């Protein structure tokens, strides 16, 4: 295709990608509207992902967003950012940590996640099916143990995500 033809097609390509839910995010950058809510950086190897997962799960309470480059993630990122903002507004002194983890390097097996305590038990409860499908799943961890894995898009709002977190007795607000 010539450069002239590309100029005619490109104006329609980007809006079409957005309509289809494909955000086309280059994992070396992060959207400006999310930059103050969480940090995203490309993890190049399984070792990098393992370090990021270890760091995130070393907190008493943490929620990880599982990112993969090949999946549409714009809505999941937006819901995660909104969830984080609303939770931190409601519980400013909470010990709950939010981590955005680029799992693109480990999509064959998700070993750093699957090795977490509680993961295999949840997979067994899920008829042996994988807990990660590239839908931008959230992983709720308490004291390094996985309690729950689910897409943020299964929740109608950030308040519903907060309610789920509270039901898992996570955060400094937990009784």
N, C-alpha and C. Protein backbone atom coordinates (compact mmCIF):
# COMPACT_ATOMS: atom_id res chain seq x y z
N UNK A 1 0.86 -1.18 0.00
CA UNK A 1 0.00 0.00 0.00
C UNK A 1 0.90 1.23 0.00
N UNK A 2 0.58 2.20 -0.79
CA UNK A 2 1.41 3.40 -0.87
C UNK A 2 1.12 4.31 0.30
N UNK A 3 2.03 5.24 0.53
CA UNK A 3 1.86 6.18 1.62
C UNK A 3 0.57 6.97 1.47
N UNK A 4 0.22 7.32 0.25
CA UNK A 4 -1.01 8.07 -0.01
C UNK A 4 -2.23 7.27 0.47
N UNK A 5 -2.25 5.99 0.17
CA UNK A 5 -3.38 5.15 0.59
C UNK A 5 -3.41 4.99 2.10
N UNK A 6 -2.25 4.92 2.74
CA UNK A 6 -2.21 4.80 4.20
C UNK A 6 -2.85 6.00 4.87
N UNK A 7 -2.60 7.19 4.33
CA UNK A 7 -3.19 8.39 4.92
C UNK A 7 -4.72 8.35 4.82
N UNK A 8 -5.24 7.73 3.78
CA UNK A 8 -6.68 7.62 3.63
C UNK A 8 -7.28 6.60 4.59
N UNK A 9 -6.51 5.54 4.93
CA UNK A 9 -7.02 4.46 5.78
C UNK A 9 -6.83 4.75 7.26
N UNK A 10 -5.70 5.35 7.64
CA UNK A 10 -5.37 5.54 9.04
C UNK A 10 -6.42 6.31 9.84
N UNK A 11 -7.03 7.36 9.32
CA UNK A 11 -8.03 8.05 10.14
C UNK A 11 -9.18 7.13 10.56
N UNK A 12 -9.45 6.10 9.79
CA UNK A 12 -10.55 5.19 10.11
C UNK A 12 -10.09 4.02 10.97
N UNK A 13 -8.80 3.69 10.92
CA UNK A 13 -8.27 2.54 11.65
C UNK A 13 -8.32 2.75 13.15
N UNK A 14 -7.85 3.88 13.63
CA UNK A 14 -7.79 4.12 15.06
C UNK A 14 -9.19 4.13 15.68
N UNK A 15 -10.16 4.89 15.13
CA UNK A 15 -11.50 4.83 15.72
C UNK A 15 -12.09 3.41 15.68
N UNK A 16 -11.81 2.66 14.62
CA UNK A 16 -12.31 1.30 14.54
C UNK A 16 -11.71 0.44 15.64
N UNK A 17 -10.41 0.61 15.91
CA UNK A 17 -9.76 -0.14 16.98
C UNK A 17 -10.41 0.18 18.32
N UNK A 18 -10.73 1.45 18.54
CA UNK A 18 -11.36 1.85 19.79
C UNK A 18 -12.76 1.24 19.90
N UNK A 19 -13.53 1.29 18.80
CA UNK A 19 -14.86 0.69 18.81
C UNK A 19 -14.82 -0.80 19.10
N UNK A 20 -13.79 -1.48 18.61
CA UNK A 20 -13.67 -2.91 18.84
C UNK A 20 -13.08 -3.23 20.20
N UNK A 21 -12.67 -2.22 20.95
CA UNK A 21 -12.11 -2.45 22.27
C UNK A 21 -10.61 -2.68 22.25
N UNK A 22 -10.00 -2.54 21.13
CA UNK A 22 -8.55 -2.74 21.02
C UNK A 22 -7.89 -1.39 21.22
N UNK A 23 -7.19 -1.24 22.31
CA UNK A 23 -6.61 0.05 22.62
C UNK A 23 -5.27 0.27 21.97
N UNK A 24 -4.67 -0.78 21.42
CA UNK A 24 -3.42 -0.62 20.72
C UNK A 24 -2.32 -0.02 21.57
N UNK A 25 -2.36 -0.26 22.87
CA UNK A 25 -1.40 0.34 23.78
C UNK A 25 -0.02 -0.26 23.59
N UNK A 26 0.95 0.58 23.37
CA UNK A 26 2.33 0.14 23.37
C UNK A 26 2.72 -0.01 24.82
N UNK A 27 3.19 -1.17 25.21
CA UNK A 27 3.43 -1.42 26.62
C UNK A 27 4.60 -0.64 27.19
N UNK A 28 5.31 0.12 26.37
CA UNK A 28 6.37 0.96 26.92
C UNK A 28 5.83 2.31 27.34
N UNK A 29 4.56 2.54 27.09
CA UNK A 29 3.95 3.80 27.48
C UNK A 29 2.71 3.50 28.30
N UNK A 30 2.18 4.51 28.90
CA UNK A 30 0.92 4.35 29.61
C UNK A 30 0.03 5.52 29.26
N UNK A 31 -1.27 5.29 29.23
CA UNK A 31 -2.19 6.37 28.89
C UNK A 31 -2.08 7.52 29.89
N UNK A 32 -2.16 8.74 29.41
CA UNK A 32 -2.00 9.91 30.26
C UNK A 32 -3.05 9.95 31.36
N UNK A 33 -4.28 9.53 31.07
CA UNK A 33 -5.33 9.63 32.10
C UNK A 33 -5.11 8.66 33.25
N UNK A 34 -4.22 7.69 33.07
CA UNK A 34 -3.99 6.73 34.13
C UNK A 34 -2.65 6.93 34.84
N UNK A 35 -1.83 7.84 34.35
CA UNK A 35 -0.46 7.93 34.83
C UNK A 35 -0.36 8.22 36.32
N UNK A 36 -1.29 8.93 36.90
CA UNK A 36 -1.20 9.23 38.33
C UNK A 36 -1.81 8.12 39.18
N UNK A 37 -2.48 7.16 38.57
CA UNK A 37 -3.15 6.12 39.34
C UNK A 37 -2.31 4.87 39.55
N UNK A 38 -1.48 4.51 38.61
CA UNK A 38 -0.61 3.36 38.75
C UNK A 38 0.51 3.44 37.74
N UNK A 39 1.54 2.70 38.01
CA UNK A 39 2.70 2.70 37.14
C UNK A 39 2.68 1.46 36.28
N UNK A 40 2.91 1.63 35.00
CA UNK A 40 2.99 0.50 34.08
C UNK A 40 4.35 0.54 33.41
N UNK A 41 5.02 -0.60 33.42
CA UNK A 41 6.25 -0.72 32.65
C UNK A 41 6.33 -2.12 32.07
N UNK A 42 6.91 -2.20 30.90
CA UNK A 42 7.03 -3.48 30.21
C UNK A 42 7.98 -4.38 30.97
N UNK A 43 7.56 -5.62 31.17
CA UNK A 43 8.39 -6.63 31.80
C UNK A 43 8.85 -7.58 30.70
N UNK A 44 10.14 -7.63 30.48
CA UNK A 44 10.70 -8.32 29.31
C UNK A 44 10.85 -9.83 29.48
N UNK A 45 10.93 -10.31 30.72
CA UNK A 45 11.22 -11.73 30.92
C UNK A 45 10.37 -12.31 32.05
N UNK A 46 10.37 -13.63 32.12
CA UNK A 46 9.65 -14.31 33.22
C UNK A 46 10.24 -13.89 34.56
N UNK A 47 11.54 -13.65 34.61
CA UNK A 47 12.19 -13.23 35.85
C UNK A 47 11.70 -11.84 36.28
N UNK A 48 11.54 -10.94 35.30
CA UNK A 48 11.01 -9.60 35.60
C UNK A 48 9.59 -9.70 36.16
N UNK A 49 8.78 -10.55 35.54
CA UNK A 49 7.40 -10.72 36.01
C UNK A 49 7.41 -11.32 37.41
N UNK A 50 8.25 -12.31 37.64
CA UNK A 50 8.33 -12.93 38.96
C UNK A 50 8.69 -11.89 40.03
N UNK A 51 9.66 -11.02 39.74
CA UNK A 51 10.04 -9.97 40.70
C UNK A 51 8.86 -9.03 40.98
N UNK A 52 8.15 -8.64 39.92
CA UNK A 52 7.02 -7.73 40.09
C UNK A 52 5.91 -8.39 40.92
N UNK A 53 5.63 -9.65 40.64
CA UNK A 53 4.60 -10.39 41.39
C UNK A 53 5.04 -10.54 42.85
N UNK A 54 6.31 -10.90 43.05
CA UNK A 54 6.83 -11.05 44.42
C UNK A 54 6.73 -9.75 45.20
N UNK A 55 7.10 -8.65 44.55
CA UNK A 55 7.04 -7.35 45.21
C UNK A 55 5.59 -7.00 45.57
N UNK A 56 4.68 -7.20 44.63
CA UNK A 56 3.27 -6.87 44.87
C UNK A 56 2.67 -7.73 45.97
N UNK A 57 2.98 -9.01 45.97
CA UNK A 57 2.37 -9.92 46.95
C UNK A 57 3.09 -9.93 48.29
N UNK A 58 4.18 -9.17 48.41
CA UNK A 58 4.86 -9.06 49.70
C UNK A 58 4.10 -8.13 50.65
N UNK A 59 3.19 -7.36 50.11
CA UNK A 59 2.34 -6.49 50.93
C UNK A 59 1.31 -7.35 51.66
N UNK A 60 0.82 -6.89 52.78
CA UNK A 60 -0.21 -7.67 53.48
C UNK A 60 -1.47 -7.90 52.63
N UNK A 61 -1.83 -6.91 51.83
CA UNK A 61 -3.01 -6.99 50.97
C UNK A 61 -2.67 -6.36 49.63
N UNK A 62 -2.97 -7.07 48.55
CA UNK A 62 -2.67 -6.52 47.23
C UNK A 62 -3.67 -7.02 46.19
N UNK A 63 -3.84 -6.18 45.19
CA UNK A 63 -4.68 -6.54 44.05
C UNK A 63 -3.84 -6.25 42.81
N UNK A 64 -3.70 -7.28 41.97
CA UNK A 64 -2.89 -7.18 40.76
C UNK A 64 -3.81 -7.18 39.55
N UNK A 65 -3.53 -6.30 38.61
CA UNK A 65 -4.20 -6.35 37.31
C UNK A 65 -3.26 -7.07 36.36
N UNK A 66 -3.71 -8.17 35.78
CA UNK A 66 -2.91 -8.96 34.86
C UNK A 66 -3.08 -8.40 33.45
N UNK A 67 -2.01 -7.78 32.93
CA UNK A 67 -2.02 -7.18 31.60
C UNK A 67 -1.31 -8.10 30.62
N UNK A 68 -1.84 -8.20 29.41
CA UNK A 68 -1.15 -8.85 28.30
C UNK A 68 -1.29 -7.95 27.07
N UNK A 69 -0.20 -7.81 26.33
CA UNK A 69 -0.17 -6.91 25.17
C UNK A 69 -1.15 -7.29 24.08
N UNK A 70 -1.44 -8.56 23.92
CA UNK A 70 -2.22 -9.02 22.78
C UNK A 70 -3.73 -8.95 23.00
N UNK A 71 -4.17 -8.48 24.15
CA UNK A 71 -5.61 -8.42 24.43
C UNK A 71 -6.08 -6.97 24.57
N UNK A 72 -7.31 -6.71 24.19
CA UNK A 72 -7.89 -5.38 24.43
C UNK A 72 -7.98 -5.13 25.93
N UNK A 73 -7.36 -4.07 26.40
CA UNK A 73 -7.27 -3.84 27.85
C UNK A 73 -7.76 -2.46 28.29
N UNK A 74 -8.22 -1.64 27.39
CA UNK A 74 -8.55 -0.26 27.75
C UNK A 74 -9.62 -0.20 28.83
N UNK A 75 -10.66 -0.99 28.73
CA UNK A 75 -11.75 -0.93 29.71
C UNK A 75 -11.31 -1.49 31.06
N UNK A 76 -10.50 -2.53 31.04
CA UNK A 76 -9.99 -3.10 32.28
C UNK A 76 -9.09 -2.10 33.01
N UNK A 77 -8.21 -1.42 32.25
CA UNK A 77 -7.32 -0.42 32.86
C UNK A 77 -8.13 0.72 33.45
N UNK A 78 -9.15 1.16 32.72
CA UNK A 78 -9.98 2.25 33.23
C UNK A 78 -10.72 1.85 34.50
N UNK A 79 -11.28 0.65 34.51
CA UNK A 79 -12.00 0.18 35.69
C UNK A 79 -11.05 0.01 36.87
N UNK A 80 -9.84 -0.50 36.62
CA UNK A 80 -8.83 -0.67 37.66
C UNK A 80 -8.42 0.68 38.24
N UNK A 81 -8.18 1.66 37.38
CA UNK A 81 -7.80 2.99 37.84
C UNK A 81 -8.92 3.62 38.66
N UNK A 82 -10.16 3.48 38.20
CA UNK A 82 -11.30 4.03 38.94
C UNK A 82 -11.45 3.32 40.29
N UNK A 83 -11.31 2.01 40.31
CA UNK A 83 -11.37 1.21 41.53
C UNK A 83 -10.31 1.70 42.52
N UNK A 84 -9.09 1.84 42.07
CA UNK A 84 -7.99 2.29 42.94
C UNK A 84 -8.29 3.67 43.51
N UNK A 85 -8.70 4.61 42.66
CA UNK A 85 -9.02 5.98 43.12
C UNK A 85 -10.12 5.96 44.17
N UNK A 86 -11.21 5.24 43.88
CA UNK A 86 -12.35 5.23 44.80
C UNK A 86 -11.99 4.54 46.11
N UNK A 87 -11.24 3.44 46.03
CA UNK A 87 -10.85 2.73 47.25
C UNK A 87 -9.96 3.62 48.12
N UNK A 88 -8.97 4.25 47.51
CA UNK A 88 -8.05 5.10 48.28
C UNK A 88 -8.74 6.34 48.83
N UNK A 89 -9.77 6.82 48.15
CA UNK A 89 -10.55 7.95 48.68
C UNK A 89 -11.35 7.50 49.89
N UNK A 90 -11.96 6.33 49.79
CA UNK A 90 -12.78 5.80 50.88
C UNK A 90 -11.93 5.37 52.07
N UNK A 91 -10.75 4.79 51.79
CA UNK A 91 -9.87 4.27 52.84
C UNK A 91 -8.45 4.83 52.65
N UNK A 92 -8.25 6.10 52.99
CA UNK A 92 -6.95 6.73 52.73
C UNK A 92 -5.79 6.10 53.51
N UNK A 93 -6.05 5.42 54.60
CA UNK A 93 -4.98 4.82 55.40
C UNK A 93 -4.88 3.31 55.22
N UNK A 94 -5.49 2.79 54.18
CA UNK A 94 -5.49 1.35 53.94
C UNK A 94 -4.11 0.84 53.57
N UNK A 95 -3.86 -0.41 53.91
CA UNK A 95 -2.60 -1.04 53.53
C UNK A 95 -2.74 -1.82 52.21
N UNK A 96 -3.85 -1.66 51.53
CA UNK A 96 -4.09 -2.36 50.27
C UNK A 96 -3.24 -1.75 49.16
N UNK A 97 -2.48 -2.61 48.47
CA UNK A 97 -1.65 -2.16 47.36
C UNK A 97 -2.26 -2.58 46.03
N UNK A 98 -2.14 -1.73 45.04
CA UNK A 98 -2.63 -2.00 43.69
C UNK A 98 -1.43 -2.11 42.77
N UNK A 99 -1.34 -3.18 41.99
CA UNK A 99 -0.20 -3.37 41.10
C UNK A 99 -0.69 -3.74 39.71
N UNK A 100 -0.11 -3.10 38.73
CA UNK A 100 -0.41 -3.34 37.31
C UNK A 100 0.74 -4.17 36.79
N UNK A 101 0.51 -5.44 36.49
CA UNK A 101 1.58 -6.37 36.13
C UNK A 101 1.47 -6.76 34.65
N UNK A 102 2.52 -6.45 33.89
CA UNK A 102 2.58 -6.85 32.48
C UNK A 102 3.00 -8.32 32.42
N UNK A 103 2.07 -9.19 32.10
CA UNK A 103 2.32 -10.63 32.05
C UNK A 103 2.53 -11.13 30.62
N UNK A 104 2.77 -10.23 29.68
CA UNK A 104 2.95 -10.61 28.29
C UNK A 104 4.06 -11.65 28.14
N UNK A 105 5.13 -11.53 28.90
CA UNK A 105 6.28 -12.44 28.78
C UNK A 105 6.00 -13.84 29.32
N UNK A 106 4.89 -14.03 30.04
CA UNK A 106 4.64 -15.33 30.68
C UNK A 106 3.30 -15.95 30.29
N UNK A 107 2.74 -15.55 29.16
CA UNK A 107 1.41 -16.02 28.80
C UNK A 107 1.36 -17.52 28.52
N UNK A 108 2.48 -18.16 28.37
CA UNK A 108 2.49 -19.61 28.22
C UNK A 108 2.68 -20.21 29.60
N UNK A 109 1.59 -20.36 30.34
CA UNK A 109 1.64 -21.01 31.63
C UNK A 109 1.47 -20.09 32.83
N UNK A 110 1.76 -18.82 32.70
CA UNK A 110 1.61 -17.86 33.81
C UNK A 110 2.27 -18.37 35.09
N UNK A 111 3.46 -18.94 34.99
CA UNK A 111 4.13 -19.58 36.12
C UNK A 111 4.25 -18.69 37.36
N UNK A 112 4.66 -17.41 37.25
CA UNK A 112 4.77 -16.62 38.48
C UNK A 112 3.44 -16.47 39.23
N UNK A 113 2.34 -16.47 38.50
CA UNK A 113 1.02 -16.39 39.15
C UNK A 113 0.59 -17.75 39.66
N UNK A 114 0.73 -18.76 38.82
CA UNK A 114 0.29 -20.11 39.18
C UNK A 114 1.06 -20.68 40.37
N UNK A 115 2.26 -20.15 40.63
CA UNK A 115 3.04 -20.64 41.76
C UNK A 115 2.63 -20.01 43.09
N UNK A 116 1.77 -19.01 43.04
CA UNK A 116 1.33 -18.35 44.27
C UNK A 116 0.46 -19.30 45.11
N UNK A 117 0.63 -19.27 46.42
CA UNK A 117 -0.24 -20.08 47.28
C UNK A 117 -1.70 -19.72 47.04
N UNK A 118 -2.55 -20.72 46.94
CA UNK A 118 -3.98 -20.53 46.73
C UNK A 118 -4.40 -20.60 45.27
N UNK A 119 -3.46 -20.39 44.34
CA UNK A 119 -3.81 -20.36 42.92
C UNK A 119 -4.34 -21.71 42.45
N UNK A 120 -3.59 -22.76 42.70
CA UNK A 120 -3.98 -24.08 42.21
C UNK A 120 -5.29 -24.55 42.82
N UNK A 121 -5.53 -24.19 44.07
CA UNK A 121 -6.80 -24.55 44.71
C UNK A 121 -7.97 -23.85 44.01
N UNK A 122 -7.78 -22.59 43.63
CA UNK A 122 -8.83 -21.87 42.91
C UNK A 122 -9.05 -22.47 41.53
N UNK A 123 -7.97 -22.89 40.87
CA UNK A 123 -8.13 -23.56 39.57
C UNK A 123 -8.90 -24.87 39.73
N UNK A 124 -8.63 -25.61 40.78
CA UNK A 124 -9.37 -26.85 41.02
C UNK A 124 -10.85 -26.58 41.22
N UNK A 125 -11.16 -25.51 41.95
CA UNK A 125 -12.56 -25.13 42.15
C UNK A 125 -13.21 -24.67 40.84
N UNK A 126 -12.38 -24.28 39.88
CA UNK A 126 -12.83 -23.82 38.57
C UNK A 126 -12.76 -24.97 37.55
N UNK A 127 -12.98 -26.17 38.02
CA UNK A 127 -12.93 -27.38 37.17
C UNK A 127 -11.60 -27.56 36.47
N UNK A 128 -10.52 -27.09 37.10
CA UNK A 128 -9.19 -27.24 36.52
C UNK A 128 -8.86 -26.24 35.44
N UNK A 129 -9.79 -25.34 35.13
CA UNK A 129 -9.56 -24.33 34.08
C UNK A 129 -8.62 -23.24 34.57
N UNK A 130 -7.90 -22.65 33.62
CA UNK A 130 -7.01 -21.54 33.94
C UNK A 130 -7.81 -20.37 34.49
N UNK A 131 -7.20 -19.65 35.40
CA UNK A 131 -7.86 -18.47 35.97
C UNK A 131 -7.60 -17.22 35.14
N UNK A 132 -6.63 -17.30 34.23
CA UNK A 132 -6.26 -16.15 33.41
C UNK A 132 -6.58 -16.47 31.95
N UNK A 133 -7.30 -15.57 31.31
CA UNK A 133 -7.71 -15.75 29.92
C UNK A 133 -7.35 -14.56 29.05
N UNK A 134 -6.59 -13.61 29.59
CA UNK A 134 -6.25 -12.41 28.83
C UNK A 134 -7.35 -11.37 28.87
N UNK A 135 -8.20 -11.43 29.89
CA UNK A 135 -9.29 -10.47 30.03
C UNK A 135 -8.94 -9.37 31.03
N UNK A 136 -7.68 -9.25 31.39
CA UNK A 136 -7.30 -8.24 32.37
C UNK A 136 -7.78 -8.60 33.76
N UNK A 137 -7.60 -9.84 34.14
CA UNK A 137 -8.10 -10.30 35.43
C UNK A 137 -7.44 -9.58 36.59
N UNK A 138 -8.19 -9.47 37.67
CA UNK A 138 -7.67 -8.97 38.94
C UNK A 138 -7.38 -10.17 39.82
N UNK A 139 -6.29 -10.07 40.58
CA UNK A 139 -5.89 -11.12 41.50
C UNK A 139 -5.86 -10.50 42.89
N UNK A 140 -6.74 -10.95 43.78
CA UNK A 140 -6.78 -10.48 45.15
C UNK A 140 -5.89 -11.38 45.99
N UNK A 141 -4.90 -10.80 46.68
CA UNK A 141 -3.97 -11.57 47.52
C UNK A 141 -3.95 -11.00 48.93
N UNK A 142 -3.96 -11.89 49.89
CA UNK A 142 -3.84 -11.50 51.29
C UNK A 142 -2.70 -12.32 51.88
N UNK A 143 -1.70 -11.61 52.43
CA UNK A 143 -0.51 -12.26 52.99
C UNK A 143 0.11 -13.23 51.98
N UNK A 144 0.14 -12.85 50.71
CA UNK A 144 0.76 -13.64 49.66
C UNK A 144 -0.06 -14.79 49.14
N UNK A 145 -1.27 -14.97 49.66
CA UNK A 145 -2.15 -16.07 49.24
C UNK A 145 -3.24 -15.51 48.33
N UNK A 146 -3.44 -16.15 47.19
CA UNK A 146 -4.48 -15.73 46.25
C UNK A 146 -5.85 -16.13 46.81
N UNK A 147 -6.72 -15.15 46.96
CA UNK A 147 -8.07 -15.39 47.46
C UNK A 147 -9.11 -15.48 46.35
N UNK A 148 -8.89 -14.69 45.28
CA UNK A 148 -9.90 -14.60 44.24
C UNK A 148 -9.26 -14.06 42.97
N UNK A 149 -9.75 -14.51 41.80
CA UNK A 149 -9.31 -14.01 40.50
C UNK A 149 -10.56 -13.81 39.64
N UNK A 150 -10.70 -12.59 39.09
CA UNK A 150 -11.87 -12.29 38.27
C UNK A 150 -11.62 -11.02 37.47
N UNK A 151 -12.25 -10.94 36.31
CA UNK A 151 -12.12 -9.75 35.48
C UNK A 151 -12.86 -8.57 36.14
N UNK A 152 -12.26 -7.38 36.10
CA UNK A 152 -12.95 -6.22 36.65
C UNK A 152 -14.21 -5.88 35.88
N UNK A 153 -14.31 -6.36 34.65
CA UNK A 153 -15.49 -6.07 33.84
C UNK A 153 -16.69 -6.89 34.26
N UNK A 154 -16.48 -7.87 35.14
CA UNK A 154 -17.60 -8.63 35.69
C UNK A 154 -18.33 -7.84 36.78
N UNK A 155 -17.76 -6.72 37.17
CA UNK A 155 -18.34 -5.88 38.21
C UNK A 155 -18.90 -4.62 37.56
N UNK A 156 -20.10 -4.23 37.92
CA UNK A 156 -20.77 -3.11 37.26
C UNK A 156 -20.19 -1.75 37.64
N UNK A 157 -19.36 -1.70 38.69
CA UNK A 157 -18.82 -0.41 39.11
C UNK A 157 -17.62 -0.62 40.03
N UNK A 158 -16.93 0.50 40.29
CA UNK A 158 -15.83 0.47 41.25
C UNK A 158 -16.35 0.13 42.64
N UNK A 159 -17.56 0.60 42.96
CA UNK A 159 -18.14 0.28 44.27
C UNK A 159 -18.36 -1.22 44.43
N UNK A 160 -18.72 -1.90 43.35
CA UNK A 160 -18.89 -3.36 43.41
C UNK A 160 -17.53 -4.04 43.63
N UNK A 161 -16.48 -3.50 43.05
CA UNK A 161 -15.14 -4.04 43.29
C UNK A 161 -14.71 -3.80 44.74
N UNK A 162 -15.05 -2.65 45.28
CA UNK A 162 -14.75 -2.36 46.68
C UNK A 162 -15.51 -3.33 47.57
N UNK A 163 -16.77 -3.58 47.27
CA UNK A 163 -17.57 -4.53 48.06
C UNK A 163 -16.95 -5.92 48.01
N UNK A 164 -16.47 -6.34 46.84
CA UNK A 164 -15.81 -7.65 46.73
C UNK A 164 -14.56 -7.69 47.60
N UNK A 165 -13.79 -6.64 47.56
CA UNK A 165 -12.56 -6.55 48.36
C UNK A 165 -12.89 -6.63 49.84
N UNK A 166 -13.91 -5.91 50.25
CA UNK A 166 -14.33 -5.95 51.66
C UNK A 166 -14.82 -7.34 52.05
N UNK A 167 -15.52 -8.02 51.13
CA UNK A 167 -16.02 -9.36 51.44
C UNK A 167 -14.89 -10.36 51.64
N UNK A 168 -13.72 -10.06 51.07
CA UNK A 168 -12.55 -10.91 51.25
C UNK A 168 -11.75 -10.51 52.48
N UNK A 169 -12.29 -9.58 53.27
CA UNK A 169 -11.66 -9.03 54.49
C UNK A 169 -10.23 -8.57 54.21
N UNK A 170 -10.10 -7.76 53.16
CA UNK A 170 -8.79 -7.21 52.79
C UNK A 170 -8.74 -5.73 53.11
N UNK A 171 -7.52 -5.24 53.32
CA UNK A 171 -7.30 -3.82 53.59
C UNK A 171 -7.32 -3.57 55.09
N UNK A 172 -6.81 -2.42 55.48
CA UNK A 172 -6.73 -2.09 56.91
C UNK A 172 -8.10 -1.84 57.51
N UNK A 173 -9.12 -1.73 56.65
CA UNK A 173 -10.48 -1.53 57.12
C UNK A 173 -11.13 -2.85 57.50
N UNK A 174 -10.49 -3.99 57.17
CA UNK A 174 -11.08 -5.30 57.42
C UNK A 174 -11.21 -5.57 58.91
N UNK A 175 -12.27 -6.23 59.25
CA UNK A 175 -12.52 -6.57 60.65
C UNK A 175 -12.05 -7.98 60.92
